Amino acid sequence: MRGQARPRLTRRMRVALAAGLLAAAATVAFAQMSVEIVPPLTGASPPMSVEPANPIPRWTVDDVRQMRAYPEQPPVIPHSIEGYQLSVNTNRCMSCHKREFTQGSGAPMISVTHYQTRDGQMLADVSPLPMGEGDNARHADTLGGWQMSVSKYSANVDAAAAVAVCMAGREGQKIRATVGSMLPTIGELYQDPDVLKANPFFEQLYDVFAGGAVARPSTVTGEAYNEVSTIYFTEVNKVLTGQQTGQQAVESIESQLQSLLQ
């Protein structure tokens, strides 16, 4: 209404208004400063852009001996190992990198940890796997692996069968042993000079396969072989990692196998 006096701001209202304006100004200034100071999380590239991956380093195969970074480091092998047979029963690398063969081959010896027991005791040869204690304790190697067969649907059954017979024969197994380090099933090949020259450690394996190997339970387990294998390595891993004792593992394996195979 004209002529009516306007309400006057009290001191408290003026202070509150000034504080609000100051806070708003500070917020705007801080936001502008943050945009200038804080770097973008996406880096220099535009967001969602497709950047080429770094090239994969090429393998070093110059056969030049490399020095170890620490004593326990496995030897660096600057050469191709294509076709090498590596399994729990055979390891072609040992024909050059085992202690007694390094002088002739010029290859670095395998890590010193291969010659130590779990108690740190040094051995003259590579440390075997633990075999437990007791009168009946022994090392048990698993027998099994390579098989050859001919499909009845093959367009050349006779030719394929002839190849299988050739590869399973003495000459075929000798070639596979010397070139591929594959364990032969013919006992005399473990004393063959050519085979031993390529794989000196084969001489130690004859007695293992002649009387100390344990056949894989593929016949008994049949189609359940994969499940049985999984049960075994899972429980054994728990022992090795300290999650259970060996006795507990045996009891667990027995219980699971009875349920699976009944």
Protein backbone atom coordinates (compact mmCIF):
# COMPACT_ATOMS: atom_id res chain seq x y z
CA MET A 1 0.00 0.00 0.00
CA ARG A 2 1.42 3.40 -1.06
CA GLY A 3 2.85 5.34 1.75
CA GLN A 4 3.27 2.26 3.99
CA ALA A 5 6.74 1.91 5.57
CA ARG A 6 8.86 -1.04 4.34
CA PRO A 7 10.01 -3.56 6.99
CA ARG A 8 13.58 -3.00 8.07
CA LEU A 9 16.14 -5.84 8.20
CA THR A 10 17.34 -6.63 11.63
CA ARG A 11 21.02 -7.06 12.42
CA ARG A 12 20.62 -10.86 12.69
CA MET A 13 18.91 -11.03 9.27
CA ARG A 14 21.66 -8.97 7.64
CA VAL A 15 24.37 -11.25 9.08
CA ALA A 16 22.57 -14.40 7.89
CA LEU A 17 22.10 -12.97 4.38
CA ALA A 18 25.74 -11.97 4.12
CA ALA A 19 26.87 -15.43 5.26
CA GLY A 20 24.66 -17.10 2.66
CA LEU A 21 25.99 -14.93 -0.16
CA LEU A 22 29.57 -15.59 0.95
CA ALA A 23 29.02 -19.38 1.00
CA ALA A 24 27.47 -19.33 -2.48
CA ALA A 25 30.36 -17.33 -3.86
CA ALA A 26 32.89 -19.66 -2.25
CA THR A 27 31.14 -22.73 -3.72
CA VAL A 28 31.24 -21.30 -7.25
CA ALA A 29 34.90 -20.35 -6.89
CA PHE A 30 35.84 -23.81 -5.53
CA ALA A 31 34.00 -25.55 -8.36
CA GLN A 32 35.86 -23.47 -10.95
CA MET A 33 39.17 -24.17 -9.23
CA SER A 34 38.44 -27.94 -9.09
CA VAL A 35 37.81 -28.06 -12.81
CA GLU A 36 41.21 -26.50 -13.42
CA ILE A 37 43.19 -28.53 -10.84
CA VAL A 38 41.69 -32.05 -10.76
CA PRO A 39 42.88 -34.06 -13.79
CA PRO A 40 40.30 -36.04 -15.78
CA LEU A 41 40.09 -39.73 -14.83
CA THR A 42 40.17 -40.84 -18.46
CA GLY A 43 43.63 -39.45 -19.07
CA ALA A 44 44.70 -37.73 -22.23
CA SER A 45 42.55 -39.91 -24.51
CA PRO A 46 38.92 -39.01 -25.20
CA PRO A 47 36.45 -40.95 -23.05
CA MET A 48 35.36 -44.35 -24.50
CA SER A 49 37.92 -44.17 -27.29
CA VAL A 50 39.49 -47.39 -28.61
CA GLU A 51 43.23 -47.45 -27.97
CA PRO A 52 45.53 -50.06 -29.51
CA ALA A 53 47.08 -52.54 -27.05
CA ASN A 54 50.79 -52.55 -26.46
CA PRO A 55 52.60 -55.09 -28.65
CA ILE A 56 53.41 -58.43 -27.02
CA PRO A 57 57.18 -58.75 -26.47
CA ARG A 58 58.79 -61.33 -28.72
CA TRP A 59 60.21 -64.47 -27.14
CA THR A 60 63.94 -64.51 -26.64
CA VAL A 61 65.32 -67.56 -28.42
CA ASP A 62 68.91 -66.49 -29.04
CA ASP A 63 70.31 -69.33 -26.88
CA VAL A 64 72.42 -66.85 -24.89
CA ARG A 65 72.81 -67.86 -21.25
CA GLN A 66 71.08 -65.50 -18.84
CA MET A 67 72.18 -64.75 -15.28
CA ARG A 68 69.91 -65.41 -12.30
CA ALA A 69 68.42 -62.53 -10.36
CA TYR A 70 68.51 -64.60 -7.14
CA PRO A 71 69.84 -68.10 -6.27
CA GLU A 72 66.42 -69.77 -6.08
CA GLN A 73 65.27 -68.46 -9.46
CA PRO A 74 64.59 -71.16 -12.06
CA PRO A 75 66.99 -71.02 -15.00
CA VAL A 76 66.01 -68.66 -17.81
CA ILE A 77 65.85 -70.76 -20.97
CA PRO A 78 66.33 -68.60 -24.10
CA HIS A 79 65.49 -71.37 -26.56
CA SER A 80 62.43 -73.10 -27.91
CA ILE A 81 61.01 -76.07 -25.97
CA GLU A 82 58.52 -77.05 -28.64
CA GLY A 83 58.01 -80.81 -28.62
CA TYR A 84 59.53 -81.29 -25.15
CA GLN A 85 57.79 -83.86 -22.96
CA LEU A 86 57.08 -82.48 -19.47
CA SER A 87 55.09 -84.57 -17.00
CA VAL A 88 55.26 -85.99 -13.48
CA ASN A 89 57.24 -88.93 -14.88
CA THR A 90 59.53 -87.37 -17.44
CA ASN A 91 61.19 -84.00 -17.94
CA ARG A 92 63.44 -83.51 -20.92
CA CYS A 93 64.79 -80.26 -19.46
CA MET A 94 66.67 -82.32 -16.87
CA SER A 95 68.89 -83.83 -19.58
CA CYS A 96 70.68 -80.46 -19.75
CA HIS A 97 69.81 -78.57 -16.57
CA LYS A 98 70.39 -81.32 -13.98
CA ARG A 99 73.53 -80.77 -11.92
CA GLU A 100 75.64 -83.60 -13.41
CA PHE A 101 74.79 -82.64 -17.00
CA THR A 102 75.41 -78.89 -16.88
CA GLN A 103 79.17 -79.12 -17.45
CA GLY A 104 78.73 -80.90 -20.74
CA SER A 105 75.69 -78.97 -21.91
CA GLY A 106 76.78 -75.54 -20.72
CA ALA A 107 73.23 -74.95 -19.45
CA PRO A 108 72.53 -73.34 -16.05
CA MET A 109 71.68 -75.76 -13.26
CA ILE A 110 68.14 -75.94 -11.96
CA SER A 111 67.37 -74.05 -8.77
CA VAL A 112 69.08 -75.27 -5.61
CA THR A 113 65.64 -75.80 -4.06
CA HIS A 114 65.28 -78.94 -6.19
CA TYR A 115 68.05 -80.48 -4.07
CA GLN A 116 66.53 -79.64 -0.70
CA THR A 117 64.16 -81.54 1.53
CA ARG A 118 61.32 -79.81 3.33
CA ASP A 119 63.66 -79.48 6.31
CA GLY A 120 66.25 -77.66 4.21
CA GLN A 121 68.70 -80.60 4.06
CA MET A 122 70.79 -80.61 0.89
CA LEU A 123 70.79 -83.78 -1.22
CA ALA A 124 73.18 -85.15 -3.83
CA ASP A 125 70.36 -85.66 -6.31
CA VAL A 126 66.99 -84.10 -7.06
CA SER A 127 64.68 -84.38 -4.06
CA PRO A 128 61.97 -87.04 -4.48
CA LEU A 129 58.37 -86.44 -3.51
CA PRO A 130 57.46 -87.30 0.11
CA MET A 131 56.32 -90.89 0.62
CA GLY A 132 55.13 -90.83 4.23
CA GLU A 133 56.39 -93.01 7.07
CA GLY A 134 55.95 -96.61 8.16
CA ASP A 135 57.02 -100.07 6.99
CA ASN A 136 54.84 -99.97 3.87
CA ALA A 137 55.75 -96.44 2.83
CA ARG A 138 57.06 -96.15 -0.74
CA HIS A 139 57.13 -93.80 -3.68
CA ALA A 140 54.32 -94.57 -6.12
CA ASP A 141 54.48 -93.37 -9.71
CA THR A 142 51.29 -93.25 -11.72
CA LEU A 143 51.22 -95.31 -14.90
CA GLY A 144 49.09 -94.05 -17.76
CA GLY A 145 49.04 -91.51 -20.51
CA TRP A 146 49.42 -92.07 -24.23
CA GLN A 147 47.11 -94.33 -26.20
CA MET A 148 46.46 -94.69 -29.90
CA SER A 149 43.28 -95.84 -31.56
CA VAL A 150 41.60 -95.80 -34.94
CA SER A 151 38.08 -94.48 -35.40
CA LYS A 152 35.68 -96.84 -37.12
CA TYR A 153 34.41 -93.83 -39.05
CA SER A 154 37.83 -93.20 -40.62
CA ALA A 155 37.90 -93.13 -44.42
CA ASN A 156 41.22 -95.00 -44.33
CA VAL A 157 40.94 -97.52 -41.51
CA ASP A 158 43.64 -99.87 -42.80
CA ALA A 159 46.18 -97.09 -43.34
CA ALA A 160 45.42 -95.53 -39.96
CA ALA A 161 45.81 -98.90 -38.23
CA ALA A 162 49.17 -99.41 -39.94
CA VAL A 163 50.37 -96.02 -38.66
CA ALA A 164 49.26 -96.89 -35.11
CA VAL A 165 51.08 -100.23 -35.26
CA CYS A 166 54.22 -98.49 -36.56
CA MET A 167 54.20 -95.88 -33.81
CA ALA A 168 53.66 -98.56 -31.17
CA GLY A 169 56.52 -100.68 -32.50
CA ARG A 170 60.12 -100.59 -31.36
CA GLU A 171 61.43 -98.15 -33.98
CA GLY A 172 58.45 -95.87 -33.61
CA GLN A 173 58.79 -95.74 -29.83
CA LYS A 174 62.53 -95.16 -30.09
CA ILE A 175 61.98 -92.13 -32.33
CA ARG A 176 59.34 -90.74 -29.98
CA ALA A 177 61.66 -91.31 -26.99
CA THR A 178 64.73 -89.66 -28.51
CA VAL A 179 62.97 -86.77 -30.25
CA GLY A 180 59.99 -86.14 -27.98
CA SER A 181 61.17 -87.64 -24.64
CA MET A 182 58.05 -89.82 -24.55
CA LEU A 183 58.37 -92.80 -22.23
CA PRO A 184 58.44 -96.09 -24.15
CA THR A 185 56.46 -99.18 -23.15
CA ILE A 186 59.22 -101.50 -24.39
CA GLY A 187 61.59 -102.15 -21.51
CA GLU A 188 64.80 -102.60 -23.51
CA LEU A 189 64.56 -99.04 -24.82
CA TYR A 190 65.39 -97.78 -21.33
CA GLN A 191 68.91 -99.20 -21.88
CA ASP A 192 69.21 -98.15 -25.53
CA PRO A 193 72.35 -95.95 -25.99
CA ASP A 194 70.60 -93.50 -28.35
CA VAL A 195 67.64 -93.08 -26.03
CA LEU A 196 69.86 -92.58 -22.99
CA LYS A 197 72.01 -90.06 -24.86
CA ALA A 198 68.90 -87.94 -25.48
CA ASN A 199 67.38 -88.59 -22.04
CA PRO A 200 70.01 -89.77 -19.50
CA PHE A 201 67.43 -89.89 -16.69
CA PHE A 202 65.43 -92.60 -18.50
CA GLU A 203 67.78 -95.19 -16.99
CA GLN A 204 66.33 -94.46 -13.54
CA LEU A 205 62.75 -94.99 -14.73
CA TYR A 206 62.94 -98.62 -15.82
CA ASP A 207 62.69 -100.03 -12.29
CA VAL A 208 59.78 -97.68 -11.59
CA PHE A 209 57.70 -98.98 -14.46
CA ALA A 210 58.85 -102.57 -14.03
CA GLY A 211 57.43 -102.88 -10.53
CA GLY A 212 56.77 -99.59 -8.78
CA ALA A 213 54.12 -97.89 -10.86
CA VAL A 214 50.45 -97.72 -9.94
CA ALA A 215 47.96 -97.89 -12.78
CA ARG A 216 45.40 -95.10 -13.06
CA PRO A 217 41.95 -96.27 -11.95
CA SER A 218 40.37 -95.59 -15.35
CA THR A 219 38.94 -99.10 -15.73
CA VAL A 220 37.25 -99.10 -12.34
CA THR A 221 35.94 -95.55 -12.53
CA GLY A 222 34.85 -95.62 -16.17
CA GLU A 223 32.94 -92.48 -17.16
CA ALA A 224 33.38 -91.07 -13.65
CA TYR A 225 37.18 -90.81 -14.05
CA ASN A 226 37.16 -87.00 -14.28
CA GLU A 227 35.08 -86.69 -11.11
CA VAL A 228 37.38 -89.13 -9.29
CA SER A 229 40.45 -87.18 -10.42
CA THR A 230 38.90 -83.93 -9.20
CA ILE A 231 38.18 -85.44 -5.78
CA TYR A 232 41.78 -86.60 -5.43
CA PHE A 233 43.58 -83.42 -6.44
CA THR A 234 41.19 -81.22 -4.44
CA GLU A 235 41.76 -83.13 -1.21
CA VAL A 236 45.52 -83.46 -1.78
CA ASN A 237 45.74 -79.71 -2.37
CA LYS A 238 44.07 -79.13 1.00
CA VAL A 239 46.83 -81.20 2.63
CA LEU A 240 49.59 -79.31 0.83
CA THR A 241 48.10 -75.96 1.85
CA GLY A 242 47.66 -77.01 5.49
CA GLN A 243 43.86 -77.03 5.48
CA GLN A 244 43.65 -80.65 6.65
CA THR A 245 45.81 -83.63 7.59
CA GLY A 246 46.61 -86.58 5.37
CA GLN A 247 44.33 -88.81 7.43
CA GLN A 248 41.45 -86.39 7.00
CA ALA A 249 42.06 -86.30 3.26
CA VAL A 250 41.99 -90.09 2.99
CA GLU A 251 38.74 -90.30 4.91
CA SER A 252 37.17 -87.55 2.80
CA ILE A 253 38.29 -89.19 -0.46
CA GLU A 254 36.93 -92.57 0.63
CA SER A 255 33.57 -91.08 1.57
CA GLN A 256 33.23 -89.15 -1.69
CA LEU A 257 34.27 -92.12 -3.84
CA GLN A 258 31.75 -94.41 -2.14
CA SER A 259 28.99 -91.92 -2.87
CA LEU A 260 30.13 -91.42 -6.46
CA LEU A 261 30.70 -95.05 -7.45
CA GLN A 262 27.88 -96.81 -5.60
